[in-house]
Amino acid sequence: MALREIAIGGLYLSPLLLYALSGLVVTLLIRAVLYRLLGTKRLWFEAWFDTALFVICTAGIAYLSSATGIV
């Protein structure tokens, strides 16, 4: 996986920052759907679940972007 800086207006950003931001958006979407379907009583240890879901989504986005060569 070749991580290269992304230039936005003369400011160089790490691609991991973009992966983390998109992972956060995907996590919030999945979390909203799960809470609507299952309710709050079914998901135990909500903080651990949210953290694990964020890590999984961020890693998945980083893998997919490196496999497709988008960023």
C-alpha atoms as a PDB file:
ATOM      1  CA  MET A   1       0.000   0.000   0.000  1.00  0.00           C
ATOM      2  CA  ALA A   2       1.640   3.179  -1.153  1.00  0.00           C
ATOM      3  CA  LEU A   3       0.500   6.058   1.015  1.00  0.00           C
ATOM      4  CA  ARG A   4       1.200   9.390  -0.615  1.00  0.00           C
ATOM      5  CA  GLU A   5       0.285  12.810   0.643  1.00  0.00           C
ATOM      6  CA  ILE A   6      -2.694  14.501  -0.949  1.00  0.00           C
ATOM      7  CA  ALA A   7      -2.299  18.180  -1.796  1.00  0.00           C
ATOM      8  CA  ILE A   8      -5.397  20.253  -1.107  1.00  0.00           C
ATOM      9  CA  GLY A   9      -4.832  23.953  -1.655  1.00  0.00           C
ATOM     10  CA  GLY A  10      -1.111  23.708  -0.997  1.00  0.00           C
ATOM     11  CA  LEU A  11      -1.678  21.768   2.237  1.00  0.00           C
ATOM     12  CA  TYR A  12      -0.434  18.194   2.303  1.00  0.00           C
ATOM     13  CA  LEU A  13      -2.711  15.730   4.065  1.00  0.00           C
ATOM     14  CA  SER A  14      -2.117  12.134   4.963  1.00  0.00           C
ATOM     15  CA  PRO A  15      -4.421   9.711   3.153  1.00  0.00           C
ATOM     16  CA  LEU A  16      -5.031   8.027   6.497  1.00  0.00           C
ATOM     17  CA  LEU A  17      -6.856  11.180   7.606  1.00  0.00           C
ATOM     18  CA  LEU A  18      -9.201  10.877   4.640  1.00  0.00           C
ATOM     19  CA  TYR A  19      -9.658   7.157   5.323  1.00  0.00           C
ATOM     20  CA  ALA A  20     -10.489   7.898   8.961  1.00  0.00           C
ATOM     21  CA  LEU A  21     -13.009  10.602   8.038  1.00  0.00           C
ATOM     22  CA  SER A  22     -14.741   8.369   5.519  1.00  0.00           C
ATOM     23  CA  GLY A  23     -14.609   5.497   8.034  1.00  0.00           C
ATOM     24  CA  LEU A  24     -16.333   7.733  10.564  1.00  0.00           C
ATOM     25  CA  VAL A  25     -19.119   8.558   8.110  1.00  0.00           C
ATOM     26  CA  VAL A  26     -19.627   4.881   7.228  1.00  0.00           C
ATOM     27  CA  THR A  27     -19.581   3.964  10.931  1.00  0.00           C
ATOM     28  CA  LEU A  28     -22.248   6.521  11.741  1.00  0.00           C
ATOM     29  CA  LEU A  29     -24.438   5.254   8.902  1.00  0.00           C
ATOM     30  CA  ILE A  30     -24.095   1.593   9.937  1.00  0.00           C
ATOM     31  CA  ARG A  31     -24.657   2.493  13.581  1.00  0.00           C
ATOM     32  CA  ALA A  32     -27.843   4.405  12.762  1.00  0.00           C
ATOM     33  CA  VAL A  33     -29.202   1.483  10.743  1.00  0.00           C
ATOM     34  CA  LEU A  34     -28.340  -1.050  13.459  1.00  0.00           C
ATOM     35  CA  TYR A  35     -29.891   1.031  16.227  1.00  0.00           C
ATOM     36  CA  ARG A  36     -33.042   1.464  14.168  1.00  0.00           C
ATOM     37  CA  LEU A  37     -33.284  -2.269  13.434  1.00  0.00           C
ATOM     38  CA  LEU A  38     -32.109  -3.746  16.737  1.00  0.00           C
ATOM     39  CA  GLY A  39     -32.692  -1.004  19.259  1.00  0.00           C
ATOM     40  CA  THR A  40     -30.379   0.044  22.046  1.00  0.00           C
ATOM     41  CA  LYS A  41     -30.994  -2.974  24.292  1.00  0.00           C
ATOM     42  CA  ARG A  42     -29.431  -5.480  21.885  1.00  0.00           C
ATOM     43  CA  LEU A  43     -26.032  -3.809  21.521  1.00  0.00           C
ATOM     44  CA  TRP A  44     -23.995  -4.275  24.674  1.00  0.00           C
ATOM     45  CA  PHE A  45     -20.934  -2.222  25.479  1.00  0.00           C
ATOM     46  CA  GLU A  46     -21.815   0.542  23.036  1.00  0.00           C
ATOM     47  CA  ALA A  47     -18.464   2.332  23.272  1.00  0.00           C
ATOM     48  CA  TRP A  48     -16.527  -0.847  22.452  1.00  0.00           C
ATOM     49  CA  PHE A  49     -18.901  -1.623  19.611  1.00  0.00           C
ATOM     50  CA  ASP A  50     -18.556   1.866  18.130  1.00  0.00           C
ATOM     51  CA  THR A  51     -14.768   1.764  18.402  1.00  0.00           C
ATOM     52  CA  ALA A  52     -14.513  -1.674  16.817  1.00  0.00           C
ATOM     53  CA  LEU A  53     -16.898  -0.693  14.031  1.00  0.00           C
ATOM     54  CA  PHE A  54     -14.857   2.450  13.327  1.00  0.00           C
ATOM     55  CA  VAL A  55     -11.602   0.473  13.141  1.00  0.00           C
ATOM     56  CA  ILE A  56     -13.155  -2.145  10.857  1.00  0.00           C
ATOM     57  CA  CYS A  57     -14.654   0.474   8.529  1.00  0.00           C
ATOM     58  CA  THR A  58     -11.445   2.505   8.366  1.00  0.00           C
ATOM     59  CA  ALA A  59      -9.344  -0.592   7.669  1.00  0.00           C
ATOM     60  CA  GLY A  60     -11.793  -1.741   5.012  1.00  0.00           C
ATOM     61  CA  ILE A  61     -11.744   1.621   3.265  1.00  0.00           C
ATOM     62  CA  ALA A  62      -7.940   1.737   3.388  1.00  0.00           C
ATOM     63  CA  TYR A  63      -7.740  -1.782   1.956  1.00  0.00           C
ATOM     64  CA  LEU A  64     -10.253  -1.098  -0.814  1.00  0.00           C
ATOM     65  CA  SER A  65      -8.586   2.156  -1.814  1.00  0.00           C
ATOM     66  CA  SER A  66      -5.163   0.512  -1.957  1.00  0.00           C
ATOM     67  CA  ALA A  67      -6.519  -2.453  -3.911  1.00  0.00           C
ATOM     68  CA  THR A  68      -8.223  -0.216  -6.467  1.00  0.00           C
ATOM     69  CA  GLY A  69      -5.523   2.457  -6.487  1.00  0.00           C
ATOM     70  CA  ILE A  70      -7.943   5.362  -5.997  1.00  0.00           C
ATOM     71  CA  VAL A  71      -5.846   7.341  -3.529  1.00  0.00           C
END
